[in-house]
C-alpha cells in the first residue's frame, strides 16, 4: 500500500533531505528515524536524515532556508526552534513566517524529571522544602537559552519560588546524560524518545507531567495541577514537517498528503506511542495554517510572560 502511494506522490527523482535541527540521539532525532522509512516508501525516493544542531535549532533552519525551495529539503521542527529561537536569541535571524508547516507529526507532554539522586517525594513537598532553605545551589537544564524547555522551567521556578541556576545545553542527549550523572538537578523534557525507558529503569526520577491529563504510560504520575494546584500550567511540544515558504503549492500538497498517510499508518502510530508520543492532529491545509498562526501567538505570549524576549 505504501509503495503504491509513493508512486502517486513522488517528487522529481533525487534524494530528499530531512533536516533535524538537533544532534543525533535526542527526541527529535528519534522521531525522524521513525518518519524516514515511511516517508521514503511513500515518495519512492531515498530520504537522508541530516542533523544540524546548534544555536537553538537555527543552524538546521538556515540549512532549510538556504536550500532550493522545491520540496526536496524538509525540516522536522518544533515551536522551540521555529518560533521561540528568533524571539529569545538575538543571533537568530529567521522568522517563523519564512517556513510553512505541512502537518503535525507527533505531540508529546512535557515531564519534570530529576536525577535518581534527587529526593523521592511528592513535588509539593519538594518545593516546600527547597523554598524554605533557598537552594540556590540547585540547577535546572534545558536544550538552550530561549528553548521551550527553558521557558517552561523559568515559569516553574517563578511559581515555586525556587532559586535554581539555569544550565543550557546544545541538545537533549548531553542534558540527559548530566541529569543521570548528577551534574544538573532538574529539567523539563518531552515524554518521547528514550525518556520513558530511563524513568522506568529508575535512572531518572519523574515528578509531574506539565499537561492537563495523566499519561497512560506513567499512570501513577500526577499532572502539575494535581501536584501543585496550579491550574494553568499546561505545556506540551509538537513536532511538525516544515518546508521553505516559497515551495510550490503542488509539492506542499503532496507532502501534506504524505503526513496524512503517516498519521493513518498503524505501524508509525504504534511506534510513536511506544515512546509516549501521540500522533499529530489530522488537519487540512487551511487548518494547518490556522494552527501555526495560533502557535506563534501562544509562544509570543509565553516569552512576554517570562520576560525573556529580544523583541
Protein backbone atom coordinates (compact mmCIF):
# COMPACT_ATOMS: atom_id res chain seq x y z
CA UNK A 1 0.00 0.00 0.00
CA UNK A 2 2.81 2.40 0.93
CA UNK A 3 4.72 1.64 -2.25
CA UNK A 4 1.65 2.39 -4.35
CA UNK A 5 1.06 5.65 -2.55
CA UNK A 6 4.72 6.55 -3.05
CA UNK A 7 4.44 6.28 -6.83
CA UNK A 8 1.45 8.58 -6.87
CA UNK A 9 3.08 11.15 -4.63
CA UNK A 10 6.67 11.07 -5.90
CA UNK A 11 8.60 14.28 -6.40
CA UNK A 12 11.27 14.59 -9.14
CA UNK A 13 13.82 11.80 -8.85
CA UNK A 14 16.52 13.00 -6.45
CA UNK A 15 17.24 12.48 -2.77
CA UNK A 16 15.08 14.16 -0.16
CA UNK A 17 16.84 15.68 2.85
CA UNK A 18 15.05 15.52 6.20
CA UNK A 19 16.75 18.12 8.41
CA UNK A 20 16.71 17.67 12.19
CA UNK A 21 17.88 20.89 13.92
CA UNK A 22 19.32 18.98 16.89
CA UNK A 23 22.13 16.46 17.49
CA UNK A 24 21.59 12.76 16.90
CA UNK A 25 20.17 10.76 19.78
CA UNK A 26 17.56 13.21 21.07
CA UNK A 27 13.75 13.07 20.93
CA UNK A 28 13.53 14.97 17.61
CA UNK A 29 16.10 12.65 16.03
CA UNK A 30 14.23 9.59 17.33
CA UNK A 31 11.04 10.82 15.64
CA UNK A 32 12.95 11.48 12.41
CA UNK A 33 14.23 7.90 12.37
CA UNK A 34 10.62 6.68 12.57
CA UNK A 35 9.48 9.07 9.85
CA UNK A 36 12.33 8.36 7.41
CA UNK A 37 11.46 4.82 6.19
CA UNK A 38 7.76 5.59 5.76
CA UNK A 39 8.49 8.91 4.05
CA UNK A 40 10.92 7.16 1.73
CA UNK A 41 8.38 4.45 0.90
CA UNK A 42 5.67 6.95 0.04
CA UNK A 43 7.94 9.16 -2.03
CA UNK A 44 9.60 6.24 -3.75
CA UNK A 45 12.91 8.05 -3.21
CA UNK A 46 15.83 7.96 -0.83
CA UNK A 47 15.41 10.15 2.28
CA UNK A 48 18.53 11.32 4.11
CA UNK A 49 18.26 12.38 7.75
CA UNK A 50 20.64 15.26 8.43
CA UNK A 51 21.37 16.53 11.96
CA UNK A 52 22.30 20.21 12.24
CA UNK A 53 22.38 21.03 15.95
CA UNK A 54 23.28 24.40 17.42
CA UNK A 55 22.01 27.93 18.14
CA UNK A 56 18.68 26.68 19.44
CA UNK A 57 17.94 24.83 16.18
CA UNK A 58 18.68 27.87 14.00
CA UNK A 59 21.53 26.18 12.13
CA UNK A 60 19.20 23.50 10.82
CA UNK A 61 16.58 26.09 9.86
CA UNK A 62 19.18 28.14 7.99
CA UNK A 63 20.11 24.97 6.11
CA UNK A 64 16.48 24.66 5.01
CA UNK A 65 16.12 28.33 4.06
CA UNK A 66 19.37 28.26 2.04
CA UNK A 67 18.23 25.23 0.01
CA UNK A 68 16.25 25.23 -3.21
CA UNK A 69 12.54 25.58 -2.30
CA UNK A 70 11.36 22.64 -4.38
CA UNK A 71 10.19 20.24 -1.65
CA UNK A 72 13.40 18.19 -1.51
CA UNK A 73 14.59 19.78 1.74
CA UNK A 74 12.26 19.26 4.69
CA UNK A 75 12.60 20.25 8.34
CA UNK A 76 11.35 18.24 11.28
CA UNK A 77 10.91 21.24 13.53
CA UNK A 78 9.25 22.24 16.79
CA UNK A 79 7.92 25.52 18.22
CA UNK A 80 11.11 25.73 20.26
CA UNK A 81 13.35 26.19 17.22
CA UNK A 82 10.97 27.61 14.62
CA UNK A 83 9.07 30.10 16.82
CA UNK A 84 10.91 30.69 20.09
CA UNK A 85 14.54 30.89 18.96
CA UNK A 86 14.11 34.14 16.95
CA UNK A 87 12.05 35.63 19.80
CA UNK A 88 14.61 34.94 22.52
CA UNK A 89 18.05 34.84 20.88
CA UNK A 90 19.39 37.99 19.17
CA UNK A 91 21.79 35.98 16.98
CA UNK A 92 18.89 34.09 15.36
CA UNK A 93 17.67 35.94 12.27
CA UNK A 94 14.98 33.75 10.70
CA UNK A 95 11.26 34.44 11.15
CA UNK A 96 8.61 31.73 11.62
CA UNK A 97 6.75 33.15 8.61
CA UNK A 98 9.65 32.12 6.33
CA UNK A 99 8.69 28.48 6.88
CA UNK A 100 5.49 26.66 6.05
CA UNK A 101 4.11 23.98 8.32
CA UNK A 102 2.89 21.00 6.29
CA UNK A 103 1.47 18.94 9.13
CA UNK A 104 1.96 17.91 12.75
CA UNK A 105 3.73 14.56 13.01
CA UNK A 106 3.65 14.00 16.77
CA UNK A 107 2.80 15.62 20.06
CA UNK A 108 4.26 14.83 23.50
CA UNK A 109 3.63 16.11 27.02
CA UNK A 110 6.48 17.69 28.98
CA UNK A 111 7.74 15.91 32.05
CA UNK A 112 9.61 17.36 35.04
CA UNK A 113 12.47 14.99 35.78
CA UNK A 114 15.44 14.92 38.11
CA UNK A 115 18.43 12.67 38.54
CA UNK A 116 17.98 9.49 40.55
CA UNK A 117 19.95 11.16 43.36
CA UNK A 118 17.13 13.64 43.92
CA UNK A 119 14.70 13.05 46.74
CA UNK A 120 11.87 10.58 46.10
CA UNK A 121 8.97 12.64 47.42
CA UNK A 122 5.82 14.34 46.09
CA UNK A 123 6.56 17.52 44.16
CA UNK A 124 4.69 19.82 46.54
CA UNK A 125 6.81 18.60 49.47
CA UNK A 126 9.98 19.02 47.44
CA UNK A 127 9.01 22.61 46.57
CA UNK A 128 8.12 23.44 50.16
CA UNK A 129 11.41 22.07 51.48
CA UNK A 130 13.55 23.79 48.87
CA UNK A 131 11.68 27.09 49.19
CA UNK A 132 12.39 27.24 52.94
CA UNK A 133 16.11 26.56 52.53
CA UNK A 134 16.73 28.74 49.46
CA UNK A 135 18.53 26.04 47.44
CA UNK A 136 20.43 28.38 45.12
CA UNK A 137 22.96 25.57 44.70
CA UNK A 138 20.46 23.53 42.67
CA UNK A 139 20.21 23.80 38.88
CA UNK A 140 17.87 23.10 36.00
CA UNK A 141 18.99 22.25 32.49
CA UNK A 142 17.48 23.00 29.11
CA UNK A 143 18.27 22.47 25.45
CA UNK A 144 19.36 26.09 25.14
CA UNK A 145 18.59 29.66 26.15
CA UNK A 146 15.10 30.57 24.98
CA UNK A 147 14.05 26.99 24.21
CA UNK A 148 10.59 25.87 25.23
CA UNK A 149 12.16 23.75 27.97
CA UNK A 150 13.97 26.83 29.30
CA UNK A 151 10.83 29.00 29.35
CA UNK A 152 8.68 26.31 30.97
CA UNK A 153 11.34 25.81 33.65
CA UNK A 154 11.51 29.58 34.28
CA UNK A 155 7.73 29.62 34.71
CA UNK A 156 8.01 26.71 37.16
CA UNK A 157 10.85 28.33 39.13
CA UNK A 158 8.96 31.63 39.44
CA UNK A 159 5.75 29.98 40.63
CA UNK A 160 7.55 27.70 43.07
CA UNK A 161 9.72 30.48 44.48
CA UNK A 162 12.90 28.48 43.98
CA UNK A 163 16.39 29.83 43.31
CA UNK A 164 17.65 27.45 40.63
CA UNK A 165 20.53 28.15 38.26
CA UNK A 166 19.92 27.65 34.53
CA UNK A 167 22.41 25.43 32.67
CA UNK A 168 21.89 25.46 28.87
CA UNK A 169 22.91 22.53 26.66
CA UNK A 170 23.26 22.06 22.90
CA UNK A 171 20.60 19.35 22.84
CA UNK A 172 18.74 16.72 24.85
CA UNK A 173 21.35 13.90 24.82
CA UNK A 174 24.07 15.74 26.81
CA UNK A 175 21.44 17.19 29.15
CA UNK A 176 20.02 13.73 29.87
CA UNK A 177 23.49 12.33 30.49
CA UNK A 178 24.23 15.08 33.01
CA UNK A 179 20.88 14.54 34.71
CA UNK A 180 21.73 10.87 35.12
CA UNK A 181 25.24 11.73 36.31
CA UNK A 182 24.06 14.37 38.78
CA UNK A 183 25.80 17.34 37.15
CA UNK A 184 22.43 19.08 36.77
CA UNK A 185 19.44 18.58 39.04
CA UNK A 186 16.17 19.06 37.11
CA UNK A 187 14.78 19.60 33.61
CA UNK A 188 11.56 19.67 31.65
CA UNK A 189 11.79 17.24 28.74
CA UNK A 190 9.27 15.67 26.35
CA UNK A 191 7.92 12.23 27.11
CA UNK A 192 9.45 10.95 23.89
CA UNK A 193 12.46 9.02 22.63
CA UNK A 194 14.30 7.20 25.43
CA UNK A 195 13.00 9.30 28.34
CA UNK A 196 10.16 6.94 29.23
CA UNK A 197 12.51 3.96 29.46
CA UNK A 198 15.02 5.91 31.58
CA UNK A 199 12.24 6.75 34.05
CA UNK A 200 11.06 3.15 34.14
CA UNK A 201 14.62 1.97 34.76
CA UNK A 202 14.98 4.37 37.68
CA UNK A 203 17.85 6.27 36.06
CA UNK A 204 15.71 9.42 36.06
CA UNK A 205 13.11 10.41 38.64
CA UNK A 206 9.78 11.76 37.34
CA UNK A 207 7.90 14.34 39.44
CA UNK A 208 4.94 15.57 37.36
CA UNK A 209 3.54 15.96 33.88
CA UNK A 210 3.18 19.55 32.65
CA UNK A 211 -0.04 18.51 30.97
CA UNK A 212 -3.78 18.60 31.56
CA UNK A 213 -4.15 14.84 31.80
CA UNK A 214 -2.12 11.89 33.03
CA UNK A 215 -0.19 9.63 30.69
CA UNK A 216 -1.23 6.03 30.16
CA UNK A 217 2.47 5.14 30.18
CA UNK A 218 3.04 6.60 33.67
CA UNK A 219 -0.47 6.37 35.15
CA UNK A 220 0.65 6.96 38.75
CA UNK A 221 2.45 10.18 37.87
CA UNK A 222 0.38 13.28 38.73
CA UNK A 223 -0.14 16.25 36.48
CA UNK A 224 1.37 19.57 37.57
CA UNK A 225 -2.11 20.77 38.54
CA UNK A 226 -2.63 17.73 40.77
CA UNK A 227 0.84 18.09 42.30
CA UNK A 228 0.84 21.85 42.93
CA UNK A 229 -2.68 23.24 42.43
CA UNK A 230 -1.52 25.47 39.52
CA UNK A 231 -4.47 25.24 37.16
CA UNK A 232 -2.91 26.76 34.05
CA UNK A 233 0.49 25.03 33.98
CA UNK A 234 -0.14 23.03 30.80
CA UNK A 235 2.64 22.55 28.25
CA UNK A 236 3.45 20.07 25.54
CA UNK A 237 5.64 20.07 22.46
CA UNK A 238 4.74 19.09 18.92
CA UNK A 239 6.94 18.08 16.00
CA UNK A 240 5.96 19.16 12.51
CA UNK A 241 7.14 18.81 8.95
CA UNK A 242 8.15 22.19 7.50
CA UNK A 243 9.23 23.42 4.07
CA UNK A 244 10.51 26.74 2.75
CA UNK A 245 7.60 29.19 2.40
CA UNK A 246 8.38 29.50 -1.35
CA UNK A 247 7.88 25.79 -2.01
CA UNK A 248 5.42 25.32 -4.91
CA UNK A 249 1.85 24.57 -3.87
CA UNK A 250 1.83 21.28 -5.75
CA UNK A 251 4.82 19.98 -3.77
CA UNK A 252 3.33 21.26 -0.49
CA UNK A 253 0.06 19.45 -1.22
CA UNK A 254 1.87 16.19 -1.97
CA UNK A 255 3.85 16.41 1.25
CA UNK A 256 0.68 17.23 3.19
CA UNK A 257 -0.89 14.06 1.79
CA UNK A 258 2.14 12.10 2.98
CA UNK A 259 1.84 13.48 6.52
CA UNK A 260 -1.83 12.47 6.48
CA UNK A 261 -0.80 8.98 5.37
CA UNK A 262 1.75 8.77 8.20
CA UNK A 263 -0.97 9.68 10.69
CA UNK A 264 -3.09 6.81 9.36
CA UNK A 265 -0.23 4.30 9.32
CA UNK A 266 -0.76 1.91 12.23
CA UNK A 267 2.92 0.94 12.45
CA UNK A 268 4.06 4.55 12.71
CA UNK A 269 1.38 5.45 15.25
CA UNK A 270 2.26 2.39 17.34
CA UNK A 271 5.99 3.17 17.25
CA UNK A 272 5.32 6.75 18.34
CA UNK A 273 3.04 5.54 21.12
CA UNK A 274 5.76 3.25 22.47
CA UNK A 275 7.76 6.38 23.35
CA UNK A 276 4.78 8.13 24.97
CA UNK A 277 4.11 10.36 21.95
CA UNK A 278 0.74 10.81 20.25
CA UNK A 279 0.29 11.16 16.52
CA UNK A 280 -0.43 14.75 15.48
CA UNK A 281 -3.95 16.06 14.80
CA UNK A 282 -5.32 15.45 11.32
CA UNK A 283 -5.70 18.91 9.78
CA UNK A 284 -6.38 20.06 6.25
CA UNK A 285 -4.03 22.64 4.78
CA UNK A 286 -6.12 25.62 5.84
CA UNK A 287 -6.40 24.24 9.37
CA UNK A 288 -2.62 23.75 9.44
CA UNK A 289 -2.11 27.45 8.62
CA UNK A 290 -4.53 28.43 11.39
CA UNK A 291 -2.84 26.07 13.84
CA UNK A 292 0.57 27.59 13.10
CA UNK A 293 -0.70 31.15 13.49
CA UNK A 294 -2.23 30.27 16.86
CA UNK A 295 1.00 28.62 17.99
CA UNK A 296 3.07 31.68 17.05
CA UNK A 297 0.75 33.87 19.11
CA UNK A 298 0.73 31.49 22.07
CA UNK A 299 4.52 31.29 22.23
CA UNK A 300 4.90 35.05 21.84
CA UNK A 301 2.69 35.42 24.93
CA UNK A 302 4.85 32.90 26.79
CA UNK A 303 8.01 34.88 26.01
CA UNK A 304 6.32 38.07 27.21
CA UNK A 305 5.13 36.42 30.42
CA UNK A 306 8.58 35.04 31.26
CA UNK A 307 10.18 38.36 30.16
CA UNK A 308 12.91 36.63 28.17
CA UNK A 309 12.29 38.11 24.73
CA UNK A 310 14.62 40.13 22.48
CA UNK A 311 11.77 41.95 20.65
